[in-house]
Amino acid sequence: MRQTKREIGGLTDACKHLGTDEGTILTYDEERDLIRNGISIKIVPVWKWCLENSLQA
């Protein structure tokens, strides 16, 4: 696990502040899903995120 407590904690705090229950962390090459404090977190390589989002447009 390359994400630090700071990154995951910051994302969960931001999601709670914004009233959403899911968030995404972009990484160089790591991919997985996890749940922290009721927030669904998707960890995705940036190249994959770019491809997935460009296909939706």
C-alpha atoms as a PDB file:
ATOM      1  CA  MET A   1       0.000   0.000   0.000  1.00  0.00           C
ATOM      2  CA  ARG A   2       1.650   3.171  -1.191  1.00  0.00           C
ATOM      3  CA  GLN A   3      -1.064   5.602  -0.123  1.00  0.00           C
ATOM      4  CA  THR A   4      -0.341   7.270   3.161  1.00  0.00           C
ATOM      5  CA  LYS A   5      -2.753   7.848   5.997  1.00  0.00           C
ATOM      6  CA  ARG A   6      -2.567  11.517   5.030  1.00  0.00           C
ATOM      7  CA  GLU A   7      -3.887  10.909   1.491  1.00  0.00           C
ATOM      8  CA  ILE A   8      -6.650   8.528   2.517  1.00  0.00           C
ATOM      9  CA  GLY A   9      -7.584  10.657   5.529  1.00  0.00           C
ATOM     10  CA  GLY A  10      -7.645  13.821   3.433  1.00  0.00           C
ATOM     11  CA  LEU A  11      -9.889  12.200   0.847  1.00  0.00           C
ATOM     12  CA  THR A  12     -12.340  10.860   3.445  1.00  0.00           C
ATOM     13  CA  ASP A  13     -12.482  14.279   5.144  1.00  0.00           C
ATOM     14  CA  ALA A  14     -13.124  15.992   1.799  1.00  0.00           C
ATOM     15  CA  CYS A  15     -15.847  13.488   0.877  1.00  0.00           C
ATOM     16  CA  LYS A  16     -17.606  14.020   4.200  1.00  0.00           C
ATOM     17  CA  HIS A  17     -17.343  17.812   3.806  1.00  0.00           C
ATOM     18  CA  LEU A  18     -18.788  17.605   0.268  1.00  0.00           C
ATOM     19  CA  GLY A  19     -21.491  15.114   1.239  1.00  0.00           C
ATOM     20  CA  THR A  20     -20.396  12.269  -1.016  1.00  0.00           C
ATOM     21  CA  ASP A  21     -19.656   8.667  -0.124  1.00  0.00           C
ATOM     22  CA  GLU A  22     -17.058   7.879  -2.803  1.00  0.00           C
ATOM     23  CA  GLY A  23     -13.727   9.233  -3.947  1.00  0.00           C
ATOM     24  CA  THR A  24     -10.764   8.420  -6.177  1.00  0.00           C
ATOM     25  CA  ILE A  25      -7.005   8.520  -5.641  1.00  0.00           C
ATOM     26  CA  LEU A  26      -4.863   8.557  -8.788  1.00  0.00           C
ATOM     27  CA  THR A  27      -1.559   6.678  -8.628  1.00  0.00           C
ATOM     28  CA  TYR A  28       1.311   5.739 -10.883  1.00  0.00           C
ATOM     29  CA  ASP A  29       0.578   2.006 -10.997  1.00  0.00           C
ATOM     30  CA  GLU A  30      -1.488   0.812  -8.033  1.00  0.00           C
ATOM     31  CA  GLU A  31      -5.108  -0.311  -8.353  1.00  0.00           C
ATOM     32  CA  ARG A  32      -7.553  -1.442  -5.690  1.00  0.00           C
ATOM     33  CA  ASP A  33     -10.741  -0.533  -3.859  1.00  0.00           C
ATOM     34  CA  LEU A  34     -11.213   0.053  -0.159  1.00  0.00           C
ATOM     35  CA  ILE A  35     -13.691   1.496   2.317  1.00  0.00           C
ATOM     36  CA  ARG A  36     -12.634   3.861   5.099  1.00  0.00           C
ATOM     37  CA  ASN A  37     -15.048   5.545   7.511  1.00  0.00           C
ATOM     38  CA  GLY A  38     -17.988   4.687   5.247  1.00  0.00           C
ATOM     39  CA  ILE A  39     -16.324   6.222   2.169  1.00  0.00           C
ATOM     40  CA  SER A  40     -15.725   4.000  -0.877  1.00  0.00           C
ATOM     41  CA  ILE A  41     -12.245   4.784  -2.212  1.00  0.00           C
ATOM     42  CA  LYS A  42     -11.111   3.719  -5.667  1.00  0.00           C
ATOM     43  CA  ILE A  43      -7.334   3.715  -6.194  1.00  0.00           C
ATOM     44  CA  VAL A  44      -6.596   3.829  -9.926  1.00  0.00           C
ATOM     45  CA  PRO A  45      -3.486   4.266 -12.092  1.00  0.00           C
ATOM     46  CA  VAL A  46      -3.671   7.670 -13.784  1.00  0.00           C
ATOM     47  CA  TRP A  47      -3.263   6.165 -17.286  1.00  0.00           C
ATOM     48  CA  LYS A  48      -6.297   3.928 -16.744  1.00  0.00           C
ATOM     49  CA  TRP A  49      -8.361   6.792 -15.333  1.00  0.00           C
ATOM     50  CA  CYS A  50      -7.506   8.934 -18.389  1.00  0.00           C
ATOM     51  CA  LEU A  51      -8.499   6.158 -20.798  1.00  0.00           C
ATOM     52  CA  GLU A  52     -11.761   5.403 -19.025  1.00  0.00           C
ATOM     53  CA  ASN A  53     -12.765   9.059 -18.853  1.00  0.00           C
ATOM     54  CA  SER A  54     -11.800   9.848 -22.453  1.00  0.00           C
ATOM     55  CA  LEU A  55     -14.006   6.998 -23.677  1.00  0.00           C
ATOM     56  CA  GLN A  56     -17.023   8.433 -21.811  1.00  0.00           C
ATOM     57  CA  ALA A  57     -16.866  11.791 -23.605  1.00  0.00           C
END
